[in-house]
C-alpha cells in the first residue's frame, strides 16, 4: 500500500513533464510557422508589387505600339489613296493628250511619188479632208494616240485648210506629212487598206507608205486646253 502511494506522484510528475515538453515543442513550432508565413506574405507582396509595376509598364508600351500602328495604317491608307489618285490622273492626262506617249504603232508618210509637175502639184494638193479621212480610219481601227507633223490630236483638234495649206491645232503643217499612230498595227493598216486610201493617194500622185515600229512616239498637246465657257453640271442642277 505504501509502495503504491509513492508511485502515483511519480507518475503524475512524469506525465506533467511530458505534457510540458509537448506544449513547449508545439509553441516553438507555431512561432516558427508564424515567422515563416509572415516572411512569405512579405515576399509575395513585394513580388506582387513588382509584377504590378511590370504590368503597368507593359500596358503603357502596348498603348504606344497601338498608337504607332494606328498612325502607320493611316499613313499607309493615305499613301495608297494618293498613289491611286496619281495613277488615275496620269491616265486622264494621257487620254487627254497632255503627256507625251510611246508604244507600238505605225509611221505613215504621205509624200510625192516623184511624177508630179509643179502645175500638177497645185492641182493634186492633199487637203484637210484627206487627212481627216485617214485619221478617222486610224481611230476607227484602234489608234490610241495620233500626231500629224508633230501636232498631237486631241478632242478639240481641228484639221482645216487655210488657203493652200493645212492647219492642225491652229498650226500650219507642211508637205510631206507624217502621221504617227500608236495602236494595233495590223488593225490600223487593214483599216487604211479597206478604205482604199492607198489607191486614193495614187490618184493624187502621192505615195502613202506605212512602217511598223515597236516604238512610235507621239508628243503632248501644247495648245490651250482650259475650258473657258463650259463647267460641270451638278446632280439635280437645271
Foldseek 3Di string as FASTA:
>chain_A
DVVVVVVVVVVVVVVVVVVVVVVVVVVVVVVVVVVVVVVVVVVVVVVVVVVVVVVVVVVVVVVVVVVVVVVVVVVVVVVVVVVVVVVVVVVVCVQQQAAKDKFWAKKKKKAALPPADPVLCLVLADFQVLVVVLVVLQVVQFWRWKDKQQATDGPPWDWHDDDSFIDTNNHTDDPTIIMFTDGDHVSSVVSCVVVVSQVVSVVSNIGIDMDTDGITIHGGHDDDDDDDPDDDDDPPHD
